[in-house]
Amino acid sequence: AAAKKIEEGIDETLTYMDFPTQHWTRIRTNNTMERVNREIKRRTRAIGAFPDGQSALMLVCARLRHVASSSWGMKKYLNMAHLNYLEYTTLDEIAN
């Protein structure tokens, strides 16, 4: 039964392999999101208790704005040239 489940889900599991090899590590892991979540958790724990959900949401949004505007948020995640090359190569193959 377990082997059958693995066989059924293998295509979904290996979807990242449809992209250029240079992108595989970044696509198959979620380290960036985990880092953002750790930062939010760290800030919300420092506050302790919030008077309501709105104030917690405001803190999370402020932290996300800070991350997006910092050098950490501006870091290029994927080199799009690899995707553009893949797209043009695929279109040429279809045309021929």
PDB file of N, CA and C in Angstrom:
ATOM      1  N   ALA A   1       0.827  -1.199   0.000  1.00  0.00           N
ATOM      2  CA  ALA A   1       0.000   0.000   0.000  1.00  0.00           C
ATOM      3  C   ALA A   1       0.866   1.256   0.000  1.00  0.00           C
ATOM      4  N   ALA A   2       1.957   1.232   0.783  1.00  0.00           N
ATOM      5  CA  ALA A   2       2.840   2.399   0.850  1.00  0.00           C
ATOM      6  C   ALA A   2       3.542   2.623  -0.485  1.00  0.00           C
ATOM      7  N   ALA A   3       3.977   1.543  -1.117  1.00  0.00           N
ATOM      8  CA  ALA A   3       4.656   1.658  -2.409  1.00  0.00           C
ATOM      9  C   ALA A   3       3.715   2.223  -3.468  1.00  0.00           C
ATOM     10  N   LYS A   4       2.457   1.841  -3.395  1.00  0.00           N
ATOM     11  CA  LYS A   4       1.480   2.345  -4.361  1.00  0.00           C
ATOM     12  C   LYS A   4       1.276   3.848  -4.184  1.00  0.00           C
ATOM     13  N   LYS A   5       1.221   4.306  -2.931  1.00  0.00           N
ATOM     14  CA  LYS A   5       1.072   5.741  -2.653  1.00  0.00           C
ATOM     15  C   LYS A   5       2.262   6.517  -3.208  1.00  0.00           C
ATOM     16  N   ILE A   6       3.452   5.952  -3.046  1.00  0.00           N
ATOM     17  CA  ILE A   6       4.659   6.609  -3.559  1.00  0.00           C
ATOM     18  C   ILE A   6       4.603   6.688  -5.080  1.00  0.00           C
ATOM     19  N   GLU A   7       4.215   5.602  -5.720  1.00  0.00           N
ATOM     20  CA  GLU A   7       4.097   5.591  -7.179  1.00  0.00           C
ATOM     21  C   GLU A   7       3.079   6.616  -7.660  1.00  0.00           C
ATOM     22  N   GLU A   8       1.951   6.722  -6.973  1.00  0.00           N
ATOM     23  CA  GLU A   8       0.897   7.656  -7.372  1.00  0.00           C
ATOM     24  C   GLU A   8       1.337   9.111  -7.231  1.00  0.00           C
ATOM     25  N   GLY A   9       2.174   9.397  -6.249  1.00  0.00           N
ATOM     26  CA  GLY A   9       2.557  10.780  -5.990  1.00  0.00           C
ATOM     27  C   GLY A   9       3.913  11.189  -6.515  1.00  0.00           C
ATOM     28  N   ILE A  10       4.581  10.300  -7.249  1.00  0.00           N
ATOM     29  CA  ILE A  10       5.950  10.594  -7.678  1.00  0.00           C
ATOM     30  C   ILE A  10       6.019  11.795  -8.619  1.00  0.00           C
ATOM     31  N   ASP A  11       5.072  11.926  -9.543  1.00  0.00           N
ATOM     32  CA  ASP A  11       5.095  13.066 -10.469  1.00  0.00           C
ATOM     33  C   ASP A  11       4.954  14.384  -9.721  1.00  0.00           C
ATOM     34  N   GLU A  12       4.059  14.409  -8.764  1.00  0.00           N
ATOM     35  CA  GLU A  12       3.850  15.615  -7.968  1.00  0.00           C
ATOM     36  C   GLU A  12       5.086  15.940  -7.127  1.00  0.00           C
ATOM     37  N   THR A  13       5.725  14.917  -6.609  1.00  0.00           N
ATOM     38  CA  THR A  13       6.906  15.103  -5.772  1.00  0.00           C
ATOM     39  C   THR A  13       8.075  15.655  -6.569  1.00  0.00           C
ATOM     40  N   LEU A  14       8.203  15.247  -7.802  1.00  0.00           N
ATOM     41  CA  LEU A  14       9.353  15.635  -8.621  1.00  0.00           C
ATOM     42  C   LEU A  14       9.047  16.770  -9.592  1.00  0.00           C
ATOM     43  N   THR A  15       8.008  17.535  -9.350  1.00  0.00           N
ATOM     44  CA  THR A  15       7.633  18.639 -10.227  1.00  0.00           C
ATOM     45  C   THR A  15       8.769  19.633 -10.398  1.00  0.00           C
ATOM     46  N   TYR A  16       9.554  19.842  -9.348  1.00  0.00           N
ATOM     47  CA  TYR A  16      10.650  20.810  -9.430  1.00  0.00           C
ATOM     48  C   TYR A  16      11.637  20.458 -10.541  1.00  0.00           C
ATOM     49  N   MET A  17      11.676  19.205 -10.974  1.00  0.00           N
ATOM     50  CA  MET A  17      12.604  18.790 -12.021  1.00  0.00           C
ATOM     51  C   MET A  17      12.180  19.279 -13.404  1.00  0.00           C
ATOM     52  N   ASP A  18      10.985  19.864 -13.526  1.00  0.00           N
ATOM     53  CA  ASP A  18      10.550  20.458 -14.787  1.00  0.00           C
ATOM     54  C   ASP A  18      11.237  21.796 -15.031  1.00  0.00           C
ATOM     55  N   PHE A  19      11.888  22.328 -14.018  1.00  0.00           N
ATOM     56  CA  PHE A  19      12.555  23.623 -14.100  1.00  0.00           C
ATOM     57  C   PHE A  19      14.049  23.423 -14.341  1.00  0.00           C
ATOM     58  N   PRO A  20      14.770  24.501 -14.709  1.00  0.00           N
ATOM     59  CA  PRO A  20      16.221  24.381 -14.912  1.00  0.00           C
ATOM     60  C   PRO A  20      16.916  23.860 -13.652  1.00  0.00           C
ATOM     61  N   THR A  21      17.969  23.075 -13.840  1.00  0.00           N
ATOM     62  CA  THR A  21      18.673  22.469 -12.706  1.00  0.00           C
ATOM     63  C   THR A  21      19.209  23.509 -11.733  1.00  0.00           C
ATOM     64  N   GLN A  22      19.517  24.708 -12.222  1.00  0.00           N
ATOM     65  CA  GLN A  22      20.031  25.760 -11.341  1.00  0.00           C
ATOM     66  C   GLN A  22      18.995  26.180 -10.301  1.00  0.00           C
ATOM     67  N   HIS A  23      17.728  25.925 -10.545  1.00  0.00           N
ATOM     68  CA  HIS A  23      16.652  26.338  -9.639  1.00  0.00           C
ATOM     69  C   HIS A  23      16.200  25.232  -8.690  1.00  0.00           C
ATOM     70  N   TRP A  24      16.641  24.024  -8.905  1.00  0.00           N
ATOM     71  CA  TRP A  24      16.112  22.884  -8.153  1.00  0.00           C
ATOM     72  C   TRP A  24      16.200  23.053  -6.651  1.00  0.00           C
ATOM     73  N   THR A  25      17.354  23.430  -6.139  1.00  0.00           N
ATOM     74  CA  THR A  25      17.520  23.526  -4.688  1.00  0.00           C
ATOM     75  C   THR A  25      16.554  24.531  -4.088  1.00  0.00           C
ATOM     76  N   ARG A  26      16.380  25.659  -4.738  1.00  0.00           N
ATOM     77  CA  ARG A  26      15.502  26.696  -4.186  1.00  0.00           C
ATOM     78  C   ARG A  26      14.030  26.340  -4.309  1.00  0.00           C
ATOM     79  N   ILE A  27      13.678  25.597  -5.335  1.00  0.00           N
ATOM     80  CA  ILE A  27      12.274  25.226  -5.519  1.00  0.00           C
ATOM     81  C   ILE A  27      11.875  24.086  -4.586  1.00  0.00           C
ATOM     82  N   ARG A  28      12.739  23.101  -4.421  1.00  0.00           N
ATOM     83  CA  ARG A  28      12.344  21.916  -3.648  1.00  0.00           C
ATOM     84  C   ARG A  28      12.386  22.137  -2.145  1.00  0.00           C
ATOM     85  N   THR A  29      13.011  23.219  -1.693  1.00  0.00           N
ATOM     86  CA  THR A  29      13.033  23.518  -0.262  1.00  0.00           C
ATOM     87  C   THR A  29      12.211  24.763   0.007  1.00  0.00           C
ATOM     88  N   ASN A  30      11.824  24.945   1.233  1.00  0.00           N
ATOM     89  CA  ASN A  30      11.077  26.151   1.593  1.00  0.00           C
ATOM     90  C   ASN A  30      11.828  26.925   2.679  1.00  0.00           C
ATOM     91  N   ASN A  31      13.153  26.935   2.601  1.00  0.00           N
ATOM     92  CA  ASN A  31      13.971  27.606   3.604  1.00  0.00           C
ATOM     93  C   ASN A  31      13.638  29.087   3.736  1.00  0.00           C
ATOM     94  N   THR A  32      13.355  29.745   2.627  1.00  0.00           N
ATOM     95  CA  THR A  32      13.050  31.173   2.672  1.00  0.00           C
ATOM     96  C   THR A  32      11.785  31.426   3.476  1.00  0.00           C
ATOM     97  N   MET A  33      10.753  30.644   3.231  1.00  0.00           N
ATOM     98  CA  MET A  33       9.509  30.815   3.983  1.00  0.00           C
ATOM     99  C   MET A  33       9.701  30.460   5.451  1.00  0.00           C
ATOM    100  N   GLU A  34      10.493  29.439   5.713  1.00  0.00           N
ATOM    101  CA  GLU A  34      10.758  29.071   7.106  1.00  0.00           C
ATOM    102  C   GLU A  34      11.472  30.201   7.834  1.00  0.00           C
ATOM    103  N   ARG A  35      12.373  30.872   7.150  1.00  0.00           N
ATOM    104  CA  ARG A  35      13.082  31.994   7.769  1.00  0.00           C
ATOM    105  C   ARG A  35      12.118  33.139   8.083  1.00  0.00           C
ATOM    106  N   VAL A  36      11.225  33.437   7.159  1.00  0.00           N
ATOM    107  CA  VAL A  36      10.220  34.481   7.400  1.00  0.00           C
ATOM    108  C   VAL A  36       9.339  34.085   8.582  1.00  0.00           C
ATOM    109  N   ASN A  37       8.904  32.843   8.621  1.00  0.00           N
ATOM    110  CA  ASN A  37       8.059  32.380   9.730  1.00  0.00           C
ATOM    111  C   ASN A  37       8.782  32.461  11.065  1.00  0.00           C
ATOM    112  N   ARG A  38      10.075  32.113  11.094  1.00  0.00           N
ATOM    113  CA  ARG A  38      10.851  32.222  12.338  1.00  0.00           C
ATOM    114  C   ARG A  38      10.951  33.670  12.797  1.00  0.00           C
ATOM    115  N   GLU A  39      11.135  34.583  11.853  1.00  0.00           N
ATOM    116  CA  GLU A  39      11.227  36.007  12.194  1.00  0.00           C
ATOM    117  C   GLU A  39       9.907  36.506  12.777  1.00  0.00           C
ATOM    118  N   ILE A  40       8.798  36.109  12.188  1.00  0.00           N
ATOM    119  CA  ILE A  40       7.483  36.513  12.703  1.00  0.00           C
ATOM    120  C   ILE A  40       7.253  35.909  14.084  1.00  0.00           C
ATOM    121  N   LYS A  41       7.590  34.644  14.248  1.00  0.00           N
ATOM    122  CA  LYS A  41       7.420  33.987  15.546  1.00  0.00           C
ATOM    123  C   LYS A  41       8.267  34.679  16.616  1.00  0.00           C
ATOM    124  N   ARG A  42       9.497  35.037  16.249  1.00  0.00           N
ATOM    125  CA  ARG A  42      10.393  35.705  17.199  1.00  0.00           C
ATOM    126  C   ARG A  42       9.798  37.033  17.662  1.00  0.00           C
ATOM    127  N   ARG A  43       9.253  37.802  16.735  1.00  0.00           N
ATOM    128  CA  ARG A  43       8.690  39.112  17.075  1.00  0.00           C
ATOM    129  C   ARG A  43       7.398  38.981  17.878  1.00  0.00           C
ATOM    130  N   THR A  44       6.553  38.039  17.517  1.00  0.00           N
ATOM    131  CA  THR A  44       5.290  37.898  18.252  1.00  0.00           C
ATOM    132  C   THR A  44       5.527  37.345  19.655  1.00  0.00           C
ATOM    133  N   ARG A  45       6.517  36.489  19.814  1.00  0.00           N
ATOM    134  CA  ARG A  45       6.831  35.976  21.160  1.00  0.00           C
ATOM    135  C   ARG A  45       7.397  37.075  22.047  1.00  0.00           C
ATOM    136  N   ALA A  46       8.119  38.006  21.459  1.00  0.00           N
ATOM    137  CA  ALA A  46       8.686  39.109  22.247  1.00  0.00           C
ATOM    138  C   ALA A  46       7.572  39.970  22.839  1.00  0.00           C
ATOM    139  N   ILE A  47       6.469  40.100  22.120  1.00  0.00           N
ATOM    140  CA  ILE A  47       5.334  40.891  22.607  1.00  0.00           C
ATOM    141  C   ILE A  47       4.594  40.125  23.695  1.00  0.00           C
ATOM    142  N   GLY A  48       4.435  38.840  23.502  1.00  0.00           N
ATOM    143  CA  GLY A  48       3.726  38.027  24.491  1.00  0.00           C
ATOM    144  C   GLY A  48       2.267  37.872  24.137  1.00  0.00           C
ATOM    145  N   ALA A  49       1.422  38.745  24.672  1.00  0.00           N
ATOM    146  CA  ALA A  49      -0.021  38.652  24.425  1.00  0.00           C
ATOM    147  C   ALA A  49      -0.482  39.897  23.676  1.00  0.00           C
ATOM    148  N   PHE A  50      -1.377  39.704  22.750  1.00  0.00           N
ATOM    149  CA  PHE A  50      -1.940  40.810  21.980  1.00  0.00           C
ATOM    150  C   PHE A  50      -3.357  41.074  22.461  1.00  0.00           C
ATOM    151  N   PRO A  51      -3.770  42.347  22.452  1.00  0.00           N
ATOM    152  CA  PRO A  51      -5.130  42.654  22.893  1.00  0.00           C
ATOM    153  C   PRO A  51      -6.201  42.069  21.966  1.00  0.00           C
ATOM    154  N   ASP A  52      -5.868  41.965  20.676  1.00  0.00           N
ATOM    155  CA  ASP A  52      -6.814  41.385  19.716  1.00  0.00           C
ATOM    156  C   ASP A  52      -6.051  40.892  18.486  1.00  0.00           C
ATOM    157  N   GLY A  53      -6.750  40.222  17.620  1.00  0.00           N
ATOM    158  CA  GLY A  53      -6.135  39.676  16.417  1.00  0.00           C
ATOM    159  C   GLY A  53      -5.629  40.742  15.473  1.00  0.00           C
ATOM    160  N   GLN A  54      -6.307  41.885  15.461  1.00  0.00           N
ATOM    161  CA  GLN A  54      -5.914  42.973  14.567  1.00  0.00           C
ATOM    162  C   GLN A  54      -4.512  43.484  14.904  1.00  0.00           C
ATOM    163  N   SER A  55      -4.199  43.614  16.182  1.00  0.00           N
ATOM    164  CA  SER A  55      -2.875  44.115  16.560  1.00  0.00           C
ATOM    165  C   SER A  55      -1.789  43.097  16.208  1.00  0.00           C
ATOM    166  N   ALA A  56      -2.088  41.813  16.330  1.00  0.00           N
ATOM    167  CA  ALA A  56      -1.127  40.780  15.925  1.00  0.00           C
ATOM    168  C   ALA A  56      -0.899  40.839  14.417  1.00  0.00           C
ATOM    169  N   LEU A  57      -1.974  41.017  13.676  1.00  0.00           N
ATOM    170  CA  LEU A  57      -1.866  41.116  12.223  1.00  0.00           C
ATOM    171  C   LEU A  57      -1.054  42.338  11.820  1.00  0.00           C
ATOM    172  N   MET A  58      -1.252  43.445  12.515  1.00  0.00           N
ATOM    173  CA  MET A  58      -0.493  44.660  12.214  1.00  0.00           C
ATOM    174  C   MET A  58       1.003  44.435  12.436  1.00  0.00           C
ATOM    175  N   LEU A  59       1.370  43.744  13.507  1.00  0.00           N
ATOM    176  CA  LEU A  59       2.780  43.459  13.770  1.00  0.00           C
ATOM    177  C   LEU A  59       3.363  42.563  12.676  1.00  0.00           C
ATOM    178  N   VAL A  60       2.639  41.536  12.292  1.00  0.00           N
ATOM    179  CA  VAL A  60       3.117  40.623  11.253  1.00  0.00           C
ATOM    180  C   VAL A  60       3.298  41.371   9.937  1.00  0.00           C
ATOM    181  N   CYS A  61       2.337  42.202   9.568  1.00  0.00           N
ATOM    182  CA  CYS A  61       2.435  42.969   8.324  1.00  0.00           C
ATOM    183  C   CYS A  61       3.610  43.940   8.363  1.00  0.00           C
ATOM    184  N   ALA A  62       3.818  44.581   9.496  1.00  0.00           N
ATOM    185  CA  ALA A  62       4.949  45.502   9.632  1.00  0.00           C
ATOM    186  C   ALA A  62       6.264  44.750   9.464  1.00  0.00           C
ATOM    187  N   ARG A  63       6.341  43.557  10.031  1.00  0.00           N
ATOM    188  CA  ARG A  63       7.567  42.757   9.921  1.00  0.00           C
ATOM    189  C   ARG A  63       7.795  42.327   8.477  1.00  0.00           C
ATOM    190  N   LEU A  64       6.733  41.947   7.787  1.00  0.00           N
ATOM    191  CA  LEU A  64       6.863  41.548   6.385  1.00  0.00           C
ATOM    192  C   LEU A  64       7.274  42.727   5.508  1.00  0.00           C
ATOM    193  N   ARG A  65       6.738  43.918   5.796  1.00  0.00           N
ATOM    194  CA  ARG A  65       7.158  45.113   5.057  1.00  0.00           C
ATOM    195  C   ARG A  65       8.638  45.382   5.278  1.00  0.00           C
ATOM    196  N   HIS A  66       9.085  45.217   6.526  1.00  0.00           N
ATOM    197  CA  HIS A  66      10.497  45.432   6.833  1.00  0.00           C
ATOM    198  C   HIS A  66      11.373  44.441   6.062  1.00  0.00           C
ATOM    199  N   VAL A  67      10.989  43.177   6.061  1.00  0.00           N
ATOM    200  CA  VAL A  67      11.763  42.154   5.352  1.00  0.00           C
ATOM    201  C   VAL A  67      11.802  42.466   3.856  1.00  0.00           C
ATOM    202  N   ALA A  68      10.663  42.856   3.287  1.00  0.00           N
ATOM    203  CA  ALA A  68      10.588  43.138   1.854  1.00  0.00           C
ATOM    204  C   ALA A  68      11.443  44.332   1.462  1.00  0.00           C
ATOM    205  N   SER A  69      11.578  45.306   2.347  1.00  0.00           N
ATOM    206  CA  SER A  69      12.340  46.511   2.009  1.00  0.00           C
ATOM    207  C   SER A  69      13.815  46.400   2.375  1.00  0.00           C
ATOM    208  N   SER A  70      14.196  45.387   3.121  1.00  0.00           N
ATOM    209  CA  SER A  70      15.600  45.229   3.521  1.00  0.00           C
ATOM    210  C   SER A  70      16.383  44.507   2.427  1.00  0.00           C
ATOM    211  N   SER A  71      17.687  44.452   2.593  1.00  0.00           N
ATOM    212  CA  SER A  71      18.519  43.749   1.612  1.00  0.00           C
ATOM    213  C   SER A  71      18.171  42.263   1.584  1.00  0.00           C
ATOM    214  N   TRP A  72      17.705  41.741   2.715  1.00  0.00           N
ATOM    215  CA  TRP A  72      17.306  40.340   2.776  1.00  0.00           C
ATOM    216  C   TRP A  72      16.106  40.092   1.862  1.00  0.00           C
ATOM    217  N   GLY A  73      15.165  41.027   1.831  1.00  0.00           N
ATOM    218  CA  GLY A  73      13.986  40.877   0.989  1.00  0.00           C
ATOM    219  C   GLY A  73      14.243  41.194  -0.468  1.00  0.00           C
ATOM    220  N   MET A  74      15.300  41.943  -0.750  1.00  0.00           N
ATOM    221  CA  MET A  74      15.614  42.323  -2.122  1.00  0.00           C
ATOM    222  C   MET A  74      16.516  41.301  -2.818  1.00  0.00           C
ATOM    223  N   LYS A  75      16.969  40.310  -2.078  1.00  0.00           N
ATOM    224  CA  LYS A  75      17.870  39.306  -2.633  1.00  0.00           C
ATOM    225  C   LYS A  75      17.177  38.564  -3.771  1.00  0.00           C
ATOM    226  N   LYS A  76      17.876  38.440  -4.868  1.00  0.00           N
ATOM    227  CA  LYS A  76      17.308  37.738  -6.015  1.00  0.00           C
ATOM    228  C   LYS A  76      17.207  36.252  -5.677  1.00  0.00           C
ATOM    229  N   TYR A  77      16.038  35.724  -5.787  1.00  0.00           N
ATOM    230  CA  TYR A  77      15.788  34.340  -5.397  1.00  0.00           C
ATOM    231  C   TYR A  77      16.121  33.365  -6.524  1.00  0.00           C
ATOM    232  N   LEU A  78      15.671  33.679  -7.723  1.00  0.00           N
ATOM    233  CA  LEU A  78      15.922  32.822  -8.878  1.00  0.00           C
ATOM    234  C   LEU A  78      16.442  33.664 -10.036  1.00  0.00           C
ATOM    235  N   ASN A  79      17.358  33.121 -10.799  1.00  0.00           N
ATOM    236  CA  ASN A  79      17.853  33.789 -11.992  1.00  0.00           C
ATOM    237  C   ASN A  79      16.867  33.492 -13.123  1.00  0.00           C
ATOM    238  N   MET A  80      16.125  34.493 -13.532  1.00  0.00           N
ATOM    239  CA  MET A  80      15.070  34.290 -14.518  1.00  0.00           C
ATOM    240  C   MET A  80      15.610  33.997 -15.910  1.00  0.00           C
ATOM    241  N   ALA A  81      16.884  34.291 -16.162  1.00  0.00           N
ATOM    242  CA  ALA A  81      17.467  34.008 -17.472  1.00  0.00           C
ATOM    243  C   ALA A  81      17.383  32.517 -17.792  1.00  0.00           C
ATOM    244  N   HIS A  82      17.533  31.679 -16.785  1.00  0.00           N
ATOM    245  CA  HIS A  82      17.440  30.232 -17.005  1.00  0.00           C
ATOM    246  C   HIS A  82      16.031  29.839 -17.456  1.00  0.00           C
ATOM    247  N   LEU A  83      15.012  30.459 -16.875  1.00  0.00           N
ATOM    248  CA  LEU A  83      13.631  30.160 -17.280  1.00  0.00           C
ATOM    249  C   LEU A  83      13.353  30.691 -18.679  1.00  0.00           C
ATOM    250  N   ASN A  84      13.859  31.889 -18.985  1.00  0.00           N
ATOM    251  CA  ASN A  84      13.658  32.447 -20.323  1.00  0.00           C
ATOM    252  C   ASN A  84      14.300  31.557 -21.380  1.00  0.00           C
ATOM    253  N   TYR A  85      15.506  31.067 -21.102  1.00  0.00           N
ATOM    254  CA  TYR A  85      16.185  30.169 -22.037  1.00  0.00           C
ATOM    255  C   TYR A  85      15.360  28.898 -22.238  1.00  0.00           C
ATOM    256  N   LEU A  86      14.860  28.345 -21.154  1.00  0.00           N
ATOM    257  CA  LEU A  86      14.051  27.129 -21.228  1.00  0.00           C
ATOM    258  C   LEU A  86      12.792  27.371 -22.059  1.00  0.00           C
ATOM    259  N   GLU A  87      12.148  28.519 -21.850  1.00  0.00           N
ATOM    260  CA  GLU A  87      10.924  28.840 -22.591  1.00  0.00           C
ATOM    261  C   GLU A  87      11.208  28.961 -24.083  1.00  0.00           C
ATOM    262  N   TYR A  88      12.273  29.690 -24.451  1.00  0.00           N
ATOM    263  CA  TYR A  88      12.585  29.866 -25.868  1.00  0.00           C
ATOM    264  C   TYR A  88      13.018  28.551 -26.511  1.00  0.00           C
ATOM    265  N   THR A  89      13.759  27.733 -25.791  1.00  0.00           N
ATOM    266  CA  THR A  89      14.180  26.437 -26.309  1.00  0.00           C
ATOM    267  C   THR A  89      12.963  25.556 -26.567  1.00  0.00           C
ATOM    268  N   THR A  90      12.030  25.544 -25.634  1.00  0.00           N
ATOM    269  CA  THR A  90      10.815  24.737 -25.780  1.00  0.00           C
ATOM    270  C   THR A  90       9.976  25.228 -26.958  1.00  0.00           C
ATOM    271  N   LEU A  91       9.838  26.543 -27.116  1.00  0.00           N
ATOM    272  CA  LEU A  91       9.066  27.090 -28.234  1.00  0.00           C
ATOM    273  C   LEU A  91       9.711  26.743 -29.569  1.00  0.00           C
ATOM    274  N   ASP A  92      11.044  26.787 -29.633  1.00  0.00           N
ATOM    275  CA  ASP A  92      11.741  26.409 -30.865  1.00  0.00           C
ATOM    276  C   ASP A  92      11.508  24.937 -31.194  1.00  0.00           C
ATOM    277  N   GLU A  93      11.519  24.079 -30.173  1.00  0.00           N
ATOM    278  CA  GLU A  93      11.288  22.649 -30.397  1.00  0.00           C
ATOM    279  C   GLU A  93       9.875  22.400 -30.904  1.00  0.00           C
ATOM    280  N   ILE A  94       8.914  23.147 -30.378  1.00  0.00           N
ATOM    281  CA  ILE A  94       7.519  22.990 -30.811  1.00  0.00           C
ATOM    282  C   ILE A  94       7.362  23.445 -32.257  1.00  0.00           C
ATOM    283  N   ALA A  95       8.030  24.551 -32.616  1.00  0.00           N
ATOM    284  CA  ALA A  95       7.924  25.100 -33.966  1.00  0.00           C
ATOM    285  C   ALA A  95       8.538  24.165 -35.007  1.00  0.00           C
ATOM    286  N   ASN A  96       9.543  23.415 -34.597  1.00  0.00           N
ATOM    287  CA  ASN A  96      10.224  22.516 -35.558  1.00  0.00           C
ATOM    288  C   ASN A  96       9.598  21.195 -35.516  1.00  0.00           C
TER     289      ASN A  96
END
